[in-house]
Amino acid sequence: MQPLQHLTIALCLLATPLATADDKSAPAAAAAPSQPPTKTPAIDLKTVLEKGQASGALPEGMVVRVSACLGAPDGKTARDSSPAEFKETWEFTAGQIHCVRPDDSNEERAETATRPQLQSLPFDTKHLCQELLAGKAIEIKAAQGQGPEVGFIGSHYKAGSRSITVVWQGETILDLGETNGPFLKLYKETDARAFGALYEHLASQARNAFKAKPAQVR
């Protein structure tokens, strides 16, 4: 009887399915949790400007742009010689100032239409970070001023737009502006006065530089 019993046990073992590594009945291995994409930390305007102030230079890779497109002279403040429209765009970079769009509303500047768009001059820009801080650019950006909303303080115009933009390594880190055109954006009076003073301070440096020296056309 023993040989028969051994044969029966052997047949039973052969009939039993063996567990394999790819047995579908085995529980699936837990998938590794996906990692969230790494976020690039936001660039802090105050930190960048303070570093530029401490170094005594406008950092390489920084562009400070001031631009205006104004019209409708304000009869209360306009000078007799004020044109109906006023346009300008200036860009400051390390050691340079660029005339992107001069005031082309005056007849005496009509010939600029035949010139290349970008003209440049060597310019000492090392104080610009300090001037942006002293001009309360950060406070204006926070938009926590007091008083009624007003615009174009320090200008002879009452319509259009003005802006101050700072670009750092291709990213806009400051975008200040006022407009009462198709879209309305004005500041509370204290911020509006600070914005007007800062805009005029920056733009007048560019205007005076180009009046004093011939531009290098690029």
C-alpha atoms as a PDB file:
ATOM      1  CA  MET A   1       0.000   0.000   0.000  1.00  0.00           C
ATOM      2  CA  GLN A   2       2.869   2.343   0.636  1.00  0.00           C
ATOM      3  CA  PRO A   3       3.899   2.658  -3.052  1.00  0.00           C
ATOM      4  CA  LEU A   4       0.288   3.498  -3.966  1.00  0.00           C
ATOM      5  CA  GLN A   5       0.102   6.161  -1.251  1.00  0.00           C
ATOM      6  CA  HIS A   6       3.361   7.709  -2.432  1.00  0.00           C
ATOM      7  CA  LEU A   7       2.046   7.815  -6.003  1.00  0.00           C
ATOM      8  CA  THR A   8      -1.189   9.500  -4.882  1.00  0.00           C
ATOM      9  CA  ILE A   9       0.695  12.204  -2.944  1.00  0.00           C
ATOM     10  CA  ALA A  10       2.969  12.871  -5.920  1.00  0.00           C
ATOM     11  CA  LEU A  11      -0.024  13.284  -8.248  1.00  0.00           C
ATOM     12  CA  CYS A  12      -1.644  15.742  -5.807  1.00  0.00           C
ATOM     13  CA  LEU A  13       1.501  17.829  -5.632  1.00  0.00           C
ATOM     14  CA  LEU A  14       1.735  17.977  -9.437  1.00  0.00           C
ATOM     15  CA  ALA A  15      -1.906  19.104  -9.670  1.00  0.00           C
ATOM     16  CA  THR A  16      -1.369  22.032  -7.214  1.00  0.00           C
ATOM     17  CA  PRO A  17      -0.509  25.306  -9.061  1.00  0.00           C
ATOM     18  CA  LEU A  18       2.804  26.768  -7.989  1.00  0.00           C
ATOM     19  CA  ALA A  19       2.996  30.431  -6.884  1.00  0.00           C
ATOM     20  CA  THR A  20       5.119  32.521  -9.265  1.00  0.00           C
ATOM     21  CA  ALA A  21       6.566  35.956  -9.162  1.00  0.00           C
ATOM     22  CA  ASP A  22       4.069  37.155 -11.744  1.00  0.00           C
ATOM     23  CA  ASP A  23       1.072  35.536 -10.081  1.00  0.00           C
ATOM     24  CA  LYS A  24      -1.785  37.976 -10.726  1.00  0.00           C
ATOM     25  CA  SER A  25      -3.453  36.933  -7.500  1.00  0.00           C
ATOM     26  CA  ALA A  26      -0.557  38.468  -5.509  1.00  0.00           C
ATOM     27  CA  PRO A  27      -1.173  42.005  -4.220  1.00  0.00           C
ATOM     28  CA  ALA A  28       0.309  44.714  -6.454  1.00  0.00           C
ATOM     29  CA  ALA A  29       3.297  46.627  -5.157  1.00  0.00           C
ATOM     30  CA  ALA A  30       2.372  50.087  -3.864  1.00  0.00           C
ATOM     31  CA  ALA A  31       3.224  52.830  -6.356  1.00  0.00           C
ATOM     32  CA  ALA A  32       5.725  55.412  -5.199  1.00  0.00           C
ATOM     33  CA  PRO A  33       3.996  58.687  -4.325  1.00  0.00           C
ATOM     34  CA  SER A  34       4.491  61.368  -6.968  1.00  0.00           C
ATOM     35  CA  GLN A  35       6.512  64.386  -5.920  1.00  0.00           C
ATOM     36  CA  PRO A  36       4.971  67.846  -6.448  1.00  0.00           C
ATOM     37  CA  PRO A  37       6.882  70.034  -8.929  1.00  0.00           C
ATOM     38  CA  THR A  38       9.472  72.269  -7.339  1.00  0.00           C
ATOM     39  CA  LYS A  39       8.337  75.889  -7.299  1.00  0.00           C
ATOM     40  CA  THR A  40      10.813  78.631  -8.063  1.00  0.00           C
ATOM     41  CA  PRO A  41      10.812  81.067  -5.145  1.00  0.00           C
ATOM     42  CA  ALA A  42       9.354  84.468  -5.982  1.00  0.00           C
ATOM     43  CA  ILE A  43      11.886  87.232  -6.502  1.00  0.00           C
ATOM     44  CA  ASP A  44      11.610  89.841  -3.767  1.00  0.00           C
ATOM     45  CA  LEU A  45      11.766  93.384  -5.133  1.00  0.00           C
ATOM     46  CA  LYS A  46      13.072  94.902  -1.911  1.00  0.00           C
ATOM     47  CA  THR A  47      15.899  92.364  -1.658  1.00  0.00           C
ATOM     48  CA  VAL A  48      17.011  92.956  -5.261  1.00  0.00           C
ATOM     49  CA  LEU A  49      16.952  96.752  -4.900  1.00  0.00           C
ATOM     50  CA  GLU A  50      18.759  96.698  -1.557  1.00  0.00           C
ATOM     51  CA  LYS A  51      21.489  94.479  -3.007  1.00  0.00           C
ATOM     52  CA  GLY A  52      21.853  96.859  -5.934  1.00  0.00           C
ATOM     53  CA  GLN A  53      21.993  99.804  -3.559  1.00  0.00           C
ATOM     54  CA  ALA A  54      24.677  98.120  -1.447  1.00  0.00           C
ATOM     55  CA  SER A  55      26.786  97.240  -4.496  1.00  0.00           C
ATOM     56  CA  GLY A  56      26.578 100.777  -5.840  1.00  0.00           C
ATOM     57  CA  ALA A  57      25.574  99.625  -9.313  1.00  0.00           C
ATOM     58  CA  LEU A  58      22.527  98.744 -11.333  1.00  0.00           C
ATOM     59  CA  PRO A  59      22.814  94.939 -11.519  1.00  0.00           C
ATOM     60  CA  GLU A  60      23.522  93.259 -14.836  1.00  0.00           C
ATOM     61  CA  GLY A  61      20.274  91.827 -16.139  1.00  0.00           C
ATOM     62  CA  MET A  62      18.106  94.614 -14.711  1.00  0.00           C
ATOM     63  CA  VAL A  63      16.065  96.946 -16.921  1.00  0.00           C
ATOM     64  CA  VAL A  64      14.225  99.977 -15.549  1.00  0.00           C
ATOM     65  CA  ARG A  65      11.654 101.266 -18.032  1.00  0.00           C
ATOM     66  CA  VAL A  66       9.647 104.489 -17.826  1.00  0.00           C
ATOM     67  CA  SER A  67       6.976 105.080 -20.438  1.00  0.00           C
ATOM     68  CA  ALA A  68       4.188 107.568 -21.104  1.00  0.00           C
ATOM     69  CA  CYS A  69       1.476 108.052 -23.699  1.00  0.00           C
ATOM     70  CA  LEU A  70      -0.461 111.153 -22.693  1.00  0.00           C
ATOM     71  CA  GLY A  71      -3.005 113.491 -24.226  1.00  0.00           C
ATOM     72  CA  ALA A  72      -5.643 116.130 -23.445  1.00  0.00           C
ATOM     73  CA  PRO A  73      -3.568 118.887 -21.839  1.00  0.00           C
ATOM     74  CA  ASP A  74      -4.906 120.010 -18.494  1.00  0.00           C
ATOM     75  CA  GLY A  75      -5.881 123.657 -18.866  1.00  0.00           C
ATOM     76  CA  LYS A  76      -5.009 124.345 -15.230  1.00  0.00           C
ATOM     77  CA  THR A  77      -1.380 123.231 -15.482  1.00  0.00           C
ATOM     78  CA  ALA A  78      -0.546 123.071 -19.193  1.00  0.00           C
ATOM     79  CA  ARG A  79       2.029 125.403 -20.623  1.00  0.00           C
ATOM     80  CA  ASP A  80       1.266 127.336 -23.806  1.00  0.00           C
ATOM     81  CA  SER A  81       3.802 125.165 -25.620  1.00  0.00           C
ATOM     82  CA  SER A  82       2.354 121.850 -24.447  1.00  0.00           C
ATOM     83  CA  PRO A  83       1.561 119.652 -27.468  1.00  0.00           C
ATOM     84  CA  ALA A  84      -1.761 117.860 -27.714  1.00  0.00           C
ATOM     85  CA  GLU A  85      -0.009 114.517 -27.172  1.00  0.00           C
ATOM     86  CA  PHE A  86       3.162 113.385 -25.446  1.00  0.00           C
ATOM     87  CA  LYS A  87       4.879 110.001 -25.832  1.00  0.00           C
ATOM     88  CA  GLU A  88       8.156 108.685 -24.451  1.00  0.00           C
ATOM     89  CA  THR A  89       9.792 105.401 -23.455  1.00  0.00           C
ATOM     90  CA  TRP A  90      13.203 105.185 -21.816  1.00  0.00           C
ATOM     91  CA  GLU A  91      15.108 102.132 -20.610  1.00  0.00           C
ATOM     92  CA  PHE A  92      17.970 102.141 -18.106  1.00  0.00           C
ATOM     93  CA  THR A  93      20.416  99.234 -18.036  1.00  0.00           C
ATOM     94  CA  ALA A  94      23.844  98.805 -16.430  1.00  0.00           C
ATOM     95  CA  GLY A  95      25.850 101.805 -17.607  1.00  0.00           C
ATOM     96  CA  GLN A  96      23.453 102.708 -20.426  1.00  0.00           C
ATOM     97  CA  ILE A  97      20.283 104.632 -21.151  1.00  0.00           C
ATOM     98  CA  HIS A  98      18.170 103.807 -24.206  1.00  0.00           C
ATOM     99  CA  CYS A  99      15.674 105.966 -26.068  1.00  0.00           C
ATOM    100  CA  VAL A 100      13.083 103.432 -27.190  1.00  0.00           C
ATOM    101  CA  ARG A 101      10.457 105.966 -28.178  1.00  0.00           C
ATOM    102  CA  PRO A 102      11.141 109.695 -27.922  1.00  0.00           C
ATOM    103  CA  ASP A 103       8.386 112.270 -27.709  1.00  0.00           C
ATOM    104  CA  ASP A 104       7.345 112.197 -31.356  1.00  0.00           C
ATOM    105  CA  SER A 105       4.445 114.618 -31.068  1.00  0.00           C
ATOM    106  CA  ASN A 106       6.452 117.784 -31.779  1.00  0.00           C
ATOM    107  CA  GLU A 107       6.975 118.792 -35.391  1.00  0.00           C
ATOM    108  CA  GLU A 108      10.661 119.427 -34.732  1.00  0.00           C
ATOM    109  CA  ARG A 109      11.068 115.698 -34.004  1.00  0.00           C
ATOM    110  CA  ALA A 110       9.292 114.470 -37.104  1.00  0.00           C
ATOM    111  CA  GLU A 111      12.623 113.409 -38.593  1.00  0.00           C
ATOM    112  CA  THR A 112      12.975 110.720 -35.889  1.00  0.00           C
ATOM    113  CA  ALA A 113      10.573 108.560 -37.887  1.00  0.00           C
ATOM    114  CA  THR A 114      13.410 107.785 -40.296  1.00  0.00           C
ATOM    115  CA  ARG A 115      15.840 106.777 -37.534  1.00  0.00           C
ATOM    116  CA  PRO A 116      16.271 103.351 -35.938  1.00  0.00           C
ATOM    117  CA  GLN A 117      13.978 102.852 -32.975  1.00  0.00           C
ATOM    118  CA  LEU A 118      16.644 102.288 -30.317  1.00  0.00           C
ATOM    119  CA  GLN A 119      19.253 104.925 -29.495  1.00  0.00           C
ATOM    120  CA  SER A 120      21.665 104.647 -26.588  1.00  0.00           C
ATOM    121  CA  LEU A 121      24.010 106.705 -24.458  1.00  0.00           C
ATOM    122  CA  PRO A 122      26.510 105.791 -21.753  1.00  0.00           C
ATOM    123  CA  PHE A 123      24.854 106.740 -18.477  1.00  0.00           C
ATOM    124  CA  ASP A 124      25.680 106.412 -14.788  1.00  0.00           C
ATOM    125  CA  THR A 125      22.877 104.158 -13.504  1.00  0.00           C
ATOM    126  CA  LYS A 126      24.494 103.143 -10.225  1.00  0.00           C
ATOM    127  CA  HIS A 127      22.060 105.230  -8.134  1.00  0.00           C
ATOM    128  CA  LEU A 128      18.844 103.898  -9.657  1.00  0.00           C
ATOM    129  CA  CYS A 129      18.220 101.180  -7.052  1.00  0.00           C
ATOM    130  CA  GLN A 130      18.630 103.755  -4.292  1.00  0.00           C
ATOM    131  CA  GLU A 131      16.322 106.177  -6.150  1.00  0.00           C
ATOM    132  CA  LEU A 132      13.620 103.526  -6.551  1.00  0.00           C
ATOM    133  CA  LEU A 133      13.760 102.783  -2.833  1.00  0.00           C
ATOM    134  CA  ALA A 134      13.809 106.474  -1.860  1.00  0.00           C
ATOM    135  CA  GLY A 135      10.985 107.141  -4.325  1.00  0.00           C
ATOM    136  CA  LYS A 136       8.780 104.676  -2.415  1.00  0.00           C
ATOM    137  CA  ALA A 137       8.403 102.209  -5.278  1.00  0.00           C
ATOM    138  CA  ILE A 138       7.702  99.407  -2.794  1.00  0.00           C
ATOM    139  CA  GLU A 139       5.094 101.460  -0.927  1.00  0.00           C
ATOM    140  CA  ILE A 140       3.379 102.451  -4.182  1.00  0.00           C
ATOM    141  CA  LYS A 141       3.286  98.798  -5.204  1.00  0.00           C
ATOM    142  CA  ALA A 142       1.552  97.935  -1.907  1.00  0.00           C
ATOM    143  CA  ALA A 143      -1.247 100.405  -2.843  1.00  0.00           C
ATOM    144  CA  GLN A 144      -2.061 101.338   0.726  1.00  0.00           C
ATOM    145  CA  GLY A 145      -2.101 105.103   0.230  1.00  0.00           C
ATOM    146  CA  GLN A 146      -4.557 107.593   1.638  1.00  0.00           C
ATOM    147  CA  GLY A 147      -6.965 110.065   0.063  1.00  0.00           C
ATOM    148  CA  PRO A 148      -9.105 110.125  -3.076  1.00  0.00           C
ATOM    149  CA  GLU A 149      -7.964 108.390  -6.256  1.00  0.00           C
ATOM    150  CA  VAL A 150      -6.139 110.775  -8.590  1.00  0.00           C
ATOM    151  CA  GLY A 151      -3.629 110.526 -11.413  1.00  0.00           C
ATOM    152  CA  PHE A 152      -1.064 112.295 -13.583  1.00  0.00           C
ATOM    153  CA  ILE A 153       0.197 114.479 -10.743  1.00  0.00           C
ATOM    154  CA  GLY A 154       3.172 116.497 -11.938  1.00  0.00           C
ATOM    155  CA  SER A 155       2.053 116.188 -15.560  1.00  0.00           C
ATOM    156  CA  HIS A 156       0.437 118.694 -17.911  1.00  0.00           C
ATOM    157  CA  TYR A 157      -1.984 116.028 -19.120  1.00  0.00           C
ATOM    158  CA  LYS A 158      -5.142 114.408 -17.847  1.00  0.00           C
ATOM    159  CA  ALA A 159      -5.600 111.382 -20.132  1.00  0.00           C
ATOM    160  CA  GLY A 160      -3.546 108.386 -21.218  1.00  0.00           C
ATOM    161  CA  SER A 161      -1.077 106.296 -19.249  1.00  0.00           C
ATOM    162  CA  ARG A 162       2.295 106.349 -17.470  1.00  0.00           C
ATOM    163  CA  SER A 163       4.273 103.407 -16.150  1.00  0.00           C
ATOM    164  CA  ILE A 164       7.433 102.406 -14.307  1.00  0.00           C
ATOM    165  CA  THR A 165       8.577  98.817 -14.827  1.00  0.00           C
ATOM    166  CA  VAL A 166      11.550  96.909 -13.435  1.00  0.00           C
ATOM    167  CA  VAL A 167      12.598  93.678 -15.132  1.00  0.00           C
ATOM    168  CA  TRP A 168      15.132  91.427 -13.406  1.00  0.00           C
ATOM    169  CA  GLN A 169      16.703  88.588 -15.407  1.00  0.00           C
ATOM    170  CA  GLY A 170      13.723  88.449 -17.731  1.00  0.00           C
ATOM    171  CA  GLU A 171      11.064  88.576 -15.000  1.00  0.00           C
ATOM    172  CA  THR A 172       8.976  91.649 -14.199  1.00  0.00           C
ATOM    173  CA  ILE A 173       9.362  92.374 -10.495  1.00  0.00           C
ATOM    174  CA  LEU A 174       7.790  95.847 -10.454  1.00  0.00           C
ATOM    175  CA  ASP A 175       4.922  97.103 -12.599  1.00  0.00           C
ATOM    176  CA  LEU A 176       3.565 100.482 -11.557  1.00  0.00           C
ATOM    177  CA  GLY A 177       1.169 102.395 -13.747  1.00  0.00           C
ATOM    178  CA  GLU A 178      -1.724 104.762 -13.980  1.00  0.00           C
ATOM    179  CA  THR A 179      -4.252 105.092 -16.785  1.00  0.00           C
ATOM    180  CA  ASN A 180      -7.656 106.592 -17.395  1.00  0.00           C
ATOM    181  CA  GLY A 181      -8.109 105.364 -20.930  1.00  0.00           C
ATOM    182  CA  PRO A 182     -10.308 102.368 -21.813  1.00  0.00           C
ATOM    183  CA  PHE A 183      -9.214 100.896 -18.476  1.00  0.00           C
ATOM    184  CA  LEU A 184      -9.105 102.916 -15.290  1.00  0.00           C
ATOM    185  CA  LYS A 185      -6.263 102.522 -12.813  1.00  0.00           C
ATOM    186  CA  LEU A 186      -5.395 105.332 -10.452  1.00  0.00           C
ATOM    187  CA  TYR A 187      -3.743 105.610  -7.045  1.00  0.00           C
ATOM    188  CA  LYS A 188      -4.829 107.061  -3.741  1.00  0.00           C
ATOM    189  CA  GLU A 189      -3.509 110.595  -3.452  1.00  0.00           C
ATOM    190  CA  THR A 190      -0.398 109.884  -1.354  1.00  0.00           C
ATOM    191  CA  ASP A 191       0.674 107.067  -3.682  1.00  0.00           C
ATOM    192  CA  ALA A 192      -0.236 109.118  -6.760  1.00  0.00           C
ATOM    193  CA  ARG A 193       2.003 111.953  -5.619  1.00  0.00           C
ATOM    194  CA  ALA A 194       4.872 109.537  -4.912  1.00  0.00           C
ATOM    195  CA  PHE A 195       4.389 107.858  -8.292  1.00  0.00           C
ATOM    196  CA  GLY A 196       4.297 111.175 -10.156  1.00  0.00           C
ATOM    197  CA  ALA A 197       7.458 112.397  -8.429  1.00  0.00           C
ATOM    198  CA  LEU A 198       9.323 109.131  -9.072  1.00  0.00           C
ATOM    199  CA  TYR A 199       8.241 109.007 -12.713  1.00  0.00           C
ATOM    200  CA  GLU A 200       9.320 112.577 -13.378  1.00  0.00           C
ATOM    201  CA  HIS A 201      12.615 112.076 -11.560  1.00  0.00           C
ATOM    202  CA  LEU A 202      13.531 109.052 -13.690  1.00  0.00           C
ATOM    203  CA  ALA A 203      12.212 110.372 -17.001  1.00  0.00           C
ATOM    204  CA  SER A 204      13.813 113.807 -16.618  1.00  0.00           C
ATOM    205  CA  GLN A 205      17.229 112.180 -16.233  1.00  0.00           C
ATOM    206  CA  ALA A 206      16.739 110.470 -19.580  1.00  0.00           C
ATOM    207  CA  ARG A 207      15.418 113.579 -21.318  1.00  0.00           C
ATOM    208  CA  ASN A 208      18.276 115.733 -20.037  1.00  0.00           C
ATOM    209  CA  ALA A 209      20.893 113.135 -20.986  1.00  0.00           C
ATOM    210  CA  PHE A 210      19.695 113.002 -24.583  1.00  0.00           C
ATOM    211  CA  LYS A 211      19.500 116.781 -24.817  1.00  0.00           C
ATOM    212  CA  ALA A 212      23.066 117.132 -23.594  1.00  0.00           C
ATOM    213  CA  LYS A 213      24.774 114.473 -25.719  1.00  0.00           C
ATOM    214  CA  PRO A 214      24.376 113.013 -29.206  1.00  0.00           C
ATOM    215  CA  ALA A 215      22.903 109.531 -29.135  1.00  0.00           C
ATOM    216  CA  GLN A 216      24.676 106.420 -30.302  1.00  0.00           C
ATOM    217  CA  VAL A 217      22.262 104.880 -32.778  1.00  0.00           C
ATOM    218  CA  ARG A 218      22.024 101.092 -32.583  1.00  0.00           C
END
